[in-house]
């Protein structure tokens, strides 16, 4: 057991260190060329508490190059009334009613895509980007300037933004920001060099022509339709990219139980994406890309193994200490053993702490190091979520409630044309 645990720690630490080194290599983008047009899609289900601030952030973008499509997926609150306050030449609302509504985020995005194709009759589809922003999302004013150059390469099908947490004023939400800004960003920047960037559900920018390559309904009913889409774009020959030069911000979950439910849903969707593993393996992707995609698909298994291998030795040690005591030998031997244990247990997360301190902009070095150490405890949310996800996957339970929001301070006919000429 100890040997297996040590092997897992070394493998995990090795992957993180390799990712950190690889993330330092920047992938240069060609000159931007002619600016693209952007159709921002905001899927909504009872989002009256947050949708106004999201639309305000989108209204700050250049009006000639952007249009916003809000997909009201059967809301019963005042979402549509809030959206109706915005100018129809810039914001269109697409209302979906039961029984077609509330069939999942993928179905709502497919409805937006089917609406968009005829609405873009006067556009070259490879010059239009469909950008997904969650109803609680905020994009930065420079987002188009950062994303435009990445699409200058005609092979690029999608770009994913770094994610930040808006309400990171509590410990639980600060940990979520820590995850996105340190671990996720390091891994995504490394995957930039491997050609295996993953897509997220918020801040996802996809070339319309790339989506059209996947058919009339690019998104599936997978619980992680974003991961599923990124894998299928890669297999289809498109390149996915990532940028941390701009970010999309979103609300963090403020209580443990909803956080556990959210992470369980993510891992459940991850397991659903295993159906694509044979397709990835047989694809023409480079070996390094294929290996990393398959490794990423194995993440739930790694979490399941870690939950057992990291917990059992600690429990055994505690039981032994409580019942018969523990012999630590000489003070020198104890110090060496403690140092070795510390390096293996906390060495990798210290890298994450340094990365977060450098990128976050609102934490001291000491606080970042404290967060890094406490992340070892926070990881047990992921361990519990992995087991719950496995149970739901095995029993084929697929229904999920949406993540609740916290309060914050028109016609379905598309305007013609959507963008200024």
Protein backbone atom coordinates (compact mmCIF):
# COMPACT_ATOMS: atom_id res chain seq x y z
CA UNK A 1 0.00 0.00 0.00
CA UNK A 2 2.79 2.43 0.93
CA UNK A 3 4.68 1.70 -2.29
CA UNK A 4 1.57 2.22 -4.43
CA UNK A 5 0.74 5.45 -2.60
CA UNK A 6 4.29 6.71 -3.08
CA UNK A 7 4.15 5.83 -6.78
CA UNK A 8 0.89 7.77 -7.21
CA UNK A 9 2.31 10.79 -5.39
CA UNK A 10 5.44 10.75 -7.55
CA UNK A 11 3.43 10.37 -10.76
CA UNK A 12 1.04 13.19 -9.81
CA UNK A 13 3.86 15.47 -8.71
CA UNK A 14 5.82 14.64 -11.85
CA UNK A 15 2.88 15.54 -14.07
CA UNK A 16 2.37 18.84 -12.26
CA UNK A 17 6.05 19.77 -12.41
CA UNK A 18 6.22 18.86 -16.10
CA UNK A 19 3.08 20.91 -16.74
CA UNK A 20 4.54 23.87 -14.85
CA UNK A 21 7.73 23.77 -16.94
CA UNK A 22 5.84 23.30 -20.19
CA UNK A 23 3.45 26.14 -19.32
CA UNK A 24 6.38 28.58 -19.42
CA UNK A 25 6.65 28.10 -23.20
CA UNK A 26 4.37 30.62 -24.85
CA UNK A 27 2.71 29.73 -28.13
CA UNK A 28 2.96 32.79 -30.34
CA UNK A 29 -0.09 33.83 -32.33
CA UNK A 30 0.15 35.29 -35.84
CA UNK A 31 -0.93 38.84 -36.53
CA UNK A 32 -4.65 39.28 -35.98
CA UNK A 33 -5.48 40.40 -39.48
CA UNK A 34 -9.07 41.47 -40.12
CA UNK A 35 -11.15 41.59 -36.89
CA UNK A 36 -13.75 38.88 -36.43
CA UNK A 37 -17.40 39.20 -35.48
CA UNK A 38 -18.71 37.64 -32.27
CA UNK A 39 -22.11 36.24 -31.38
CA UNK A 40 -22.28 35.94 -27.59
CA UNK A 41 -24.69 33.26 -26.40
CA UNK A 42 -25.95 33.45 -22.81
CA UNK A 43 -28.03 30.41 -21.78
CA UNK A 44 -30.42 31.27 -18.96
CA UNK A 45 -32.76 29.44 -16.63
CA UNK A 46 -34.18 31.66 -13.88
CA UNK A 47 -31.23 34.07 -13.86
CA UNK A 48 -32.91 37.39 -13.00
CA UNK A 49 -30.49 37.90 -10.10
CA UNK A 50 -27.36 38.00 -12.26
CA UNK A 51 -28.19 38.48 -15.94
CA UNK A 52 -28.15 42.31 -15.90
CA UNK A 53 -24.50 42.58 -14.85
CA UNK A 54 -23.54 40.01 -17.46
CA UNK A 55 -25.28 41.92 -20.23
CA UNK A 56 -23.74 45.17 -19.00
CA UNK A 57 -20.27 43.68 -19.42
CA UNK A 58 -21.13 42.54 -22.95
CA UNK A 59 -22.59 45.94 -23.84
CA UNK A 60 -19.16 47.45 -23.12
CA UNK A 61 -17.70 45.56 -26.11
CA UNK A 62 -17.54 47.11 -29.61
CA UNK A 63 -21.11 47.27 -30.88
CA UNK A 64 -20.25 46.83 -34.57
CA UNK A 65 -18.60 43.45 -34.00
CA UNK A 66 -20.79 41.87 -31.34
CA UNK A 67 -24.33 40.69 -30.88
CA UNK A 68 -25.82 38.95 -27.84
CA UNK A 69 -28.30 36.09 -27.99
CA UNK A 70 -29.93 35.25 -24.66
CA UNK A 71 -31.47 31.77 -24.64
CA UNK A 72 -34.28 31.78 -22.05
CA UNK A 73 -34.62 28.05 -21.42
CA UNK A 74 -38.05 28.05 -19.81
CA UNK A 75 -37.48 30.57 -17.01
CA UNK A 76 -40.34 31.23 -14.59
CA UNK A 77 -38.83 34.32 -12.97
CA UNK A 78 -38.17 37.78 -14.39
CA UNK A 79 -35.22 36.84 -16.61
CA UNK A 80 -36.97 37.84 -19.86
CA UNK A 81 -38.17 41.12 -18.37
CA UNK A 82 -34.61 42.07 -17.42
CA UNK A 83 -33.28 41.18 -20.88
CA UNK A 84 -36.08 43.14 -22.56
CA UNK A 85 -34.64 46.37 -21.12
CA UNK A 86 -31.65 46.14 -23.46
CA UNK A 87 -31.66 47.48 -27.05
CA UNK A 88 -32.95 44.90 -29.53
CA UNK A 89 -30.37 45.89 -32.12
CA UNK A 90 -27.71 44.49 -29.78
CA UNK A 91 -29.52 41.86 -27.72
CA UNK A 92 -31.94 39.21 -28.96
CA UNK A 93 -33.86 36.87 -26.69
CA UNK A 94 -34.69 33.36 -27.84
CA UNK A 95 -37.44 31.89 -25.68
CA UNK A 96 -37.75 28.14 -25.29
CA UNK A 97 -40.87 26.65 -23.77
CA UNK A 98 -41.66 23.25 -22.33
CA UNK A 99 -41.49 20.46 -23.36
CA UNK A 100 -38.49 21.57 -25.46
CA UNK A 101 -36.97 23.73 -22.73
CA UNK A 102 -34.93 22.50 -19.75
CA UNK A 103 -33.35 19.61 -21.62
CA UNK A 104 -29.83 20.55 -20.58
CA UNK A 105 -27.28 23.18 -21.52
CA UNK A 106 -26.27 21.33 -24.68
CA UNK A 107 -29.84 21.44 -26.03
CA UNK A 108 -30.08 25.18 -25.28
CA UNK A 109 -26.80 25.84 -27.09
CA UNK A 110 -27.92 23.78 -30.08
CA UNK A 111 -31.08 25.89 -30.27
CA UNK A 112 -28.88 28.99 -30.33
CA UNK A 113 -26.74 27.48 -33.07
CA UNK A 114 -29.77 26.64 -35.22
CA UNK A 115 -31.01 30.21 -34.74
CA UNK A 116 -27.61 31.62 -35.65
CA UNK A 117 -27.03 29.86 -38.97
CA UNK A 118 -29.83 31.63 -40.91
CA UNK A 119 -29.18 34.85 -38.98
CA UNK A 120 -25.60 34.83 -40.29
CA UNK A 121 -26.68 34.60 -43.92
CA UNK A 122 -24.53 37.59 -44.88
CA UNK A 123 -21.40 36.39 -43.03
CA UNK A 124 -18.50 34.06 -43.80
CA UNK A 125 -18.90 31.45 -41.07
CA UNK A 126 -15.14 31.13 -40.56
CA UNK A 127 -15.08 34.86 -39.71
CA UNK A 128 -17.72 34.59 -36.98
CA UNK A 129 -17.09 33.27 -33.47
CA UNK A 130 -19.82 31.96 -31.18
CA UNK A 131 -18.85 32.80 -27.60
CA UNK A 132 -20.55 31.20 -24.61
CA UNK A 133 -20.84 33.23 -21.43
CA UNK A 134 -22.78 31.91 -18.46
CA UNK A 135 -25.54 34.07 -17.01
CA UNK A 136 -23.26 35.02 -14.10
CA UNK A 137 -20.24 35.59 -16.34
CA UNK A 138 -18.25 38.78 -16.84
CA UNK A 139 -15.84 39.29 -19.70
CA UNK A 140 -13.09 41.89 -19.61
CA UNK A 141 -13.20 44.91 -21.95
CA UNK A 142 -10.09 43.74 -23.83
CA UNK A 143 -11.39 40.23 -24.55
CA UNK A 144 -11.77 40.71 -28.32
CA UNK A 145 -8.26 42.16 -28.62
CA UNK A 146 -6.86 39.08 -26.86
CA UNK A 147 -8.94 36.46 -28.68
CA UNK A 148 -8.78 37.88 -32.22
CA UNK A 149 -5.08 37.00 -32.82
CA UNK A 150 -5.62 33.43 -31.66
CA UNK A 151 -8.14 32.85 -34.44
CA UNK A 152 -5.77 34.27 -37.09
CA UNK A 153 -4.62 30.68 -37.60
CA UNK A 154 -7.35 29.12 -39.73
CA UNK A 155 -6.77 25.77 -38.00
CA UNK A 156 -7.93 27.14 -34.63
CA UNK A 157 -11.48 26.03 -33.93
CA UNK A 158 -11.92 27.23 -30.35
CA UNK A 159 -10.31 29.36 -27.64
CA UNK A 160 -10.89 28.97 -23.90
CA UNK A 161 -10.41 31.87 -21.47
CA UNK A 162 -8.98 31.62 -17.99
CA UNK A 163 -11.71 31.60 -15.33
CA UNK A 164 -11.80 33.77 -12.19
CA UNK A 165 -14.22 33.70 -9.27
CA UNK A 166 -16.04 36.98 -8.65
CA UNK A 167 -17.07 36.49 -5.01
CA UNK A 168 -13.73 35.23 -3.73
CA UNK A 169 -14.18 36.91 -0.35
CA UNK A 170 -14.87 33.65 1.51
CA UNK A 171 -12.55 30.71 2.07
CA UNK A 172 -14.66 28.27 0.04
CA UNK A 173 -14.87 30.59 -2.97
CA UNK A 174 -11.21 31.58 -2.65
CA UNK A 175 -10.29 27.91 -3.03
CA UNK A 176 -12.32 27.75 -6.25
CA UNK A 177 -10.44 30.78 -7.57
CA UNK A 178 -7.19 29.12 -6.49
CA UNK A 179 -8.07 26.02 -8.54
CA UNK A 180 -8.86 27.96 -11.71
CA UNK A 181 -5.99 30.44 -11.55
CA UNK A 182 -3.25 28.04 -10.49
CA UNK A 183 -3.86 24.39 -11.33
CA UNK A 184 -6.25 24.80 -14.27
CA UNK A 185 -4.22 27.60 -15.84
CA UNK A 186 -0.89 25.78 -15.48
CA UNK A 187 -2.31 22.61 -17.02
CA UNK A 188 -4.09 24.47 -19.82
CA UNK A 189 -0.98 26.47 -20.72
CA UNK A 190 1.01 23.23 -20.81
CA UNK A 191 -1.67 21.66 -23.00
CA UNK A 192 -1.29 24.62 -25.38
CA UNK A 193 2.07 23.10 -26.27
CA UNK A 194 0.65 19.58 -26.48
CA UNK A 195 -2.35 20.48 -28.65
CA UNK A 196 -4.77 19.13 -26.05
CA UNK A 197 -6.44 22.23 -24.57
CA UNK A 198 -9.80 21.49 -22.97
CA UNK A 199 -12.88 23.68 -23.30
CA UNK A 200 -14.94 24.97 -20.37
CA UNK A 201 -18.59 25.90 -20.16
CA UNK A 202 -17.89 29.60 -19.53
CA UNK A 203 -15.62 31.76 -21.67
CA UNK A 204 -15.68 29.29 -24.56
CA UNK A 205 -15.13 30.86 -28.00
CA UNK A 206 -15.74 28.61 -31.03
CA UNK A 207 -15.48 29.39 -34.73
CA UNK A 208 -18.93 28.88 -36.29
CA UNK A 209 -17.47 26.96 -39.24
CA UNK A 210 -15.78 24.55 -36.79
CA UNK A 211 -19.08 23.98 -35.00
CA UNK A 212 -20.78 23.39 -38.34
CA UNK A 213 -18.26 20.61 -39.02
CA UNK A 214 -19.83 18.70 -36.13
CA UNK A 215 -23.35 18.83 -37.60
CA UNK A 216 -26.58 20.69 -36.94
CA UNK A 217 -26.32 20.00 -33.20
CA UNK A 218 -22.64 20.50 -32.23
CA UNK A 219 -23.27 19.99 -28.51
CA UNK A 220 -24.38 16.67 -27.03
CA UNK A 221 -26.48 15.85 -23.97
CA UNK A 222 -23.32 15.07 -21.99
CA UNK A 223 -23.26 16.66 -18.52
CA UNK A 224 -19.92 18.20 -19.49
CA UNK A 225 -20.90 19.25 -22.99
CA UNK A 226 -17.86 21.56 -23.03
CA UNK A 227 -15.33 18.75 -22.52
CA UNK A 228 -17.21 16.63 -25.05
CA UNK A 229 -17.16 19.42 -27.64
CA UNK A 230 -13.44 20.08 -27.21
CA UNK A 231 -12.59 16.41 -27.70
CA UNK A 232 -14.69 16.12 -30.85
CA UNK A 233 -13.24 19.33 -32.33
CA UNK A 234 -9.72 18.00 -31.74
CA UNK A 235 -10.53 14.66 -33.35
CA UNK A 236 -12.10 16.51 -36.30
CA UNK A 237 -8.76 18.22 -36.94
CA UNK A 238 -9.38 21.58 -35.29
CA UNK A 239 -6.96 23.10 -32.81
CA UNK A 240 -8.16 24.34 -29.42
CA UNK A 241 -6.28 27.12 -27.66
CA UNK A 242 -6.17 28.75 -24.22
CA UNK A 243 -5.36 32.25 -23.03
CA UNK A 244 -4.70 33.62 -19.56
CA UNK A 245 -4.16 37.15 -20.92
CA UNK A 246 -7.84 37.85 -20.33
CA UNK A 247 -10.43 36.10 -18.20
CA UNK A 248 -14.09 35.42 -17.70
CA UNK A 249 -15.34 35.77 -14.13
CA UNK A 250 -18.20 33.86 -12.54
CA UNK A 251 -19.83 33.29 -9.18
CA UNK A 252 -18.31 30.70 -6.90
CA UNK A 253 -20.41 28.23 -4.94
CA UNK A 254 -20.69 29.44 -1.35
CA UNK A 255 -21.64 26.26 0.54
CA UNK A 256 -20.06 22.82 0.74
CA UNK A 257 -23.08 20.74 -0.24
CA UNK A 258 -23.83 22.63 -3.50
CA UNK A 259 -20.08 22.58 -4.26
CA UNK A 260 -20.02 18.81 -3.80
CA UNK A 261 -23.06 18.51 -6.06
CA UNK A 262 -21.43 20.68 -8.74
CA UNK A 263 -18.15 18.74 -8.70
CA UNK A 264 -20.05 15.45 -8.77
CA UNK A 265 -21.87 16.61 -11.90
CA UNK A 266 -18.57 17.61 -13.53
CA UNK A 267 -16.98 14.24 -12.80
CA UNK A 268 -20.13 12.39 -13.88
CA UNK A 269 -19.89 14.20 -17.22
CA UNK A 270 -16.20 13.32 -17.34
CA UNK A 271 -17.10 9.66 -17.04
CA UNK A 272 -19.67 10.04 -19.81
CA UNK A 273 -16.89 11.29 -22.08
CA UNK A 274 -15.12 7.94 -21.81
CA UNK A 275 -17.24 6.91 -24.78
CA UNK A 276 -14.95 9.13 -26.86
CA UNK A 277 -11.73 7.43 -25.68
CA UNK A 278 -11.66 4.87 -28.53
CA UNK A 279 -12.26 7.66 -31.05
CA UNK A 280 -9.39 9.69 -29.59
CA UNK A 281 -7.12 6.64 -29.58
CA UNK A 282 -7.83 5.83 -33.24
CA UNK A 283 -7.59 9.46 -34.41
CA UNK A 284 -4.79 11.02 -36.44
CA UNK A 285 -3.81 13.27 -33.53
CA UNK A 286 -0.10 13.38 -32.62
CA UNK A 287 0.92 10.83 -30.01
CA UNK A 288 1.59 13.47 -27.33
CA UNK A 289 -1.84 15.02 -27.89
CA UNK A 290 -3.59 11.67 -27.83
CA UNK A 291 -1.78 10.59 -24.66
CA UNK A 292 -2.61 13.78 -22.79
CA UNK A 293 -6.29 13.68 -23.79
CA UNK A 294 -6.56 10.08 -22.61
CA UNK A 295 -4.69 10.93 -19.40
CA UNK A 296 -7.13 13.77 -18.76
CA UNK A 297 -10.07 11.43 -19.35
CA UNK A 298 -8.61 9.19 -16.65
CA UNK A 299 -8.82 11.98 -14.03
CA UNK A 300 -11.81 10.44 -12.18
CA UNK A 301 -9.91 7.16 -11.80
CA UNK A 302 -6.89 9.02 -10.43
CA UNK A 303 -9.11 10.81 -7.90
CA UNK A 304 -10.72 7.52 -6.85
CA UNK A 305 -7.31 5.92 -6.36
CA UNK A 306 -5.97 8.95 -4.49
CA UNK A 307 -8.96 9.01 -2.15
CA UNK A 308 -8.12 5.47 -1.05
CA UNK A 309 -4.34 5.52 -1.14
CA UNK A 310 -3.99 8.87 0.65
CA UNK A 311 -6.61 8.15 3.30
CA UNK A 312 -5.99 4.56 4.41
CA UNK A 313 -2.35 5.10 5.53
CA UNK A 314 -3.40 8.16 7.56
CA UNK A 315 -6.23 6.26 9.22
CA UNK A 316 -3.96 3.29 9.91
CA UNK A 317 -1.32 5.56 11.44
CA UNK A 318 -3.91 7.29 13.61
CA UNK A 319 -5.35 3.98 14.83
CA UNK A 320 -1.89 2.60 15.57
CA UNK A 321 -0.90 5.74 17.45
CA UNK A 322 -4.10 5.65 19.48
CA UNK A 323 -3.87 1.97 20.40
CA UNK A 324 -0.20 1.15 20.76
CA UNK A 325 1.73 4.32 20.20
CA UNK A 326 4.22 5.10 17.47
CA UNK A 327 7.96 4.72 17.77
CA UNK A 328 9.69 7.57 16.00
CA UNK A 329 13.27 6.48 16.74
CA UNK A 330 15.95 9.11 17.20
CA UNK A 331 15.10 12.80 16.78
CA UNK A 332 17.34 12.97 13.70
CA UNK A 333 15.56 10.05 12.03
CA UNK A 334 12.20 11.56 12.90
CA UNK A 335 13.21 14.89 11.40
CA UNK A 336 14.35 13.24 8.16
CA UNK A 337 11.15 11.20 7.94
CA UNK A 338 9.06 14.31 8.55
CA UNK A 339 10.96 16.27 5.91
CA UNK A 340 10.53 13.51 3.32
CA UNK A 341 6.82 13.23 4.11
CA UNK A 342 6.40 17.01 3.81
CA UNK A 343 8.14 17.20 0.42
CA UNK A 344 5.98 14.44 -1.03
CA UNK A 345 2.74 15.63 0.57
CA UNK A 346 3.05 19.37 0.00
CA UNK A 347 5.78 19.93 -2.59
CA UNK A 348 3.44 19.92 -5.62
CA UNK A 349 0.86 22.23 -4.05
CA UNK A 350 3.56 24.75 -3.14
CA UNK A 351 4.10 25.22 -6.88
CA UNK A 352 0.40 26.00 -7.16
CA UNK A 353 0.65 28.47 -4.30
CA UNK A 354 3.49 30.35 -5.99
CA UNK A 355 1.57 30.40 -9.28
CA UNK A 356 -1.54 31.73 -7.56
CA UNK A 357 0.38 34.44 -5.73
CA UNK A 358 1.92 35.64 -9.00
CA UNK A 359 -1.32 35.62 -11.00
CA UNK A 360 -4.14 36.44 -8.58
CA UNK A 361 -3.10 40.00 -7.84
CA UNK A 362 -5.02 40.21 -4.57
CA UNK A 363 -3.25 37.80 -2.18
CA UNK A 364 0.00 38.00 -0.27
CA UNK A 365 2.67 35.33 -0.61
CA UNK A 366 1.98 34.08 2.92
CA UNK A 367 -1.74 33.73 2.28
CA UNK A 368 -1.11 31.92 -0.99
CA UNK A 369 1.12 29.43 0.84
CA UNK A 370 -1.52 28.89 3.52
CA UNK A 371 -4.12 28.23 0.82
CA UNK A 372 -1.76 25.78 -0.87
CA UNK A 373 -1.35 23.77 2.33
CA UNK A 374 -5.09 23.78 3.06
CA UNK A 375 -5.76 22.59 -0.49
CA UNK A 376 -4.80 19.11 0.69
CA UNK A 377 -7.90 19.17 2.91
CA UNK A 378 -10.08 20.86 0.28
CA UNK A 379 -9.23 18.04 -2.13
CA UNK A 380 -11.45 15.72 -0.10
CA UNK A 381 -14.43 17.46 -1.72
CA UNK A 382 -13.11 16.10 -5.02
CA UNK A 383 -12.57 12.65 -3.53
CA UNK A 384 -16.15 12.49 -2.27
CA UNK A 385 -17.43 13.84 -5.59
CA UNK A 386 -15.53 11.15 -7.49
CA UNK A 387 -17.25 8.34 -5.58
CA UNK A 388 -20.67 9.96 -5.93
CA UNK A 389 -20.10 10.47 -9.66
CA UNK A 390 -19.07 6.84 -10.08
CA UNK A 391 -22.23 5.68 -8.30
CA UNK A 392 -24.45 7.86 -10.49
CA UNK A 393 -22.62 6.76 -13.63
CA UNK A 394 -22.95 3.06 -12.81
CA UNK A 395 -26.64 3.40 -11.89
CA UNK A 396 -27.29 5.60 -14.96
CA UNK A 397 -28.74 8.48 -12.97
CA UNK A 398 -28.59 11.57 -15.18
CA UNK A 399 -30.89 14.24 -13.76
CA UNK A 400 -29.34 17.33 -12.18
CA UNK A 401 -30.58 20.55 -10.60
CA UNK A 402 -28.94 23.78 -11.76
CA UNK A 403 -26.47 25.60 -9.53
CA UNK A 404 -28.25 28.31 -7.55
CA UNK A 405 -27.16 31.93 -7.97
CA UNK A 406 -26.64 34.63 -5.37
CA UNK A 407 -28.16 38.10 -5.87
CA UNK A 408 -25.96 40.91 -7.26
CA UNK A 409 -26.03 44.58 -7.20
CA UNK A 410 -37.95 41.63 -27.42
CA UNK A 411 -38.54 39.51 -30.19
CA UNK A 412 -37.12 36.13 -31.32
CA UNK A 413 -36.74 37.43 -34.88
CA UNK A 414 -33.05 38.24 -35.49
CA UNK A 415 -32.14 41.75 -36.60
CA UNK A 416 -30.82 41.99 -40.15
CA UNK A 417 -27.89 42.02 -40.30
CA UNK A 418 -26.51 41.07 -36.89
CA UNK A 419 -23.25 42.98 -37.37
CA UNK A 420 -22.52 46.35 -38.89
CA UNK A 421 -20.96 46.22 -42.34
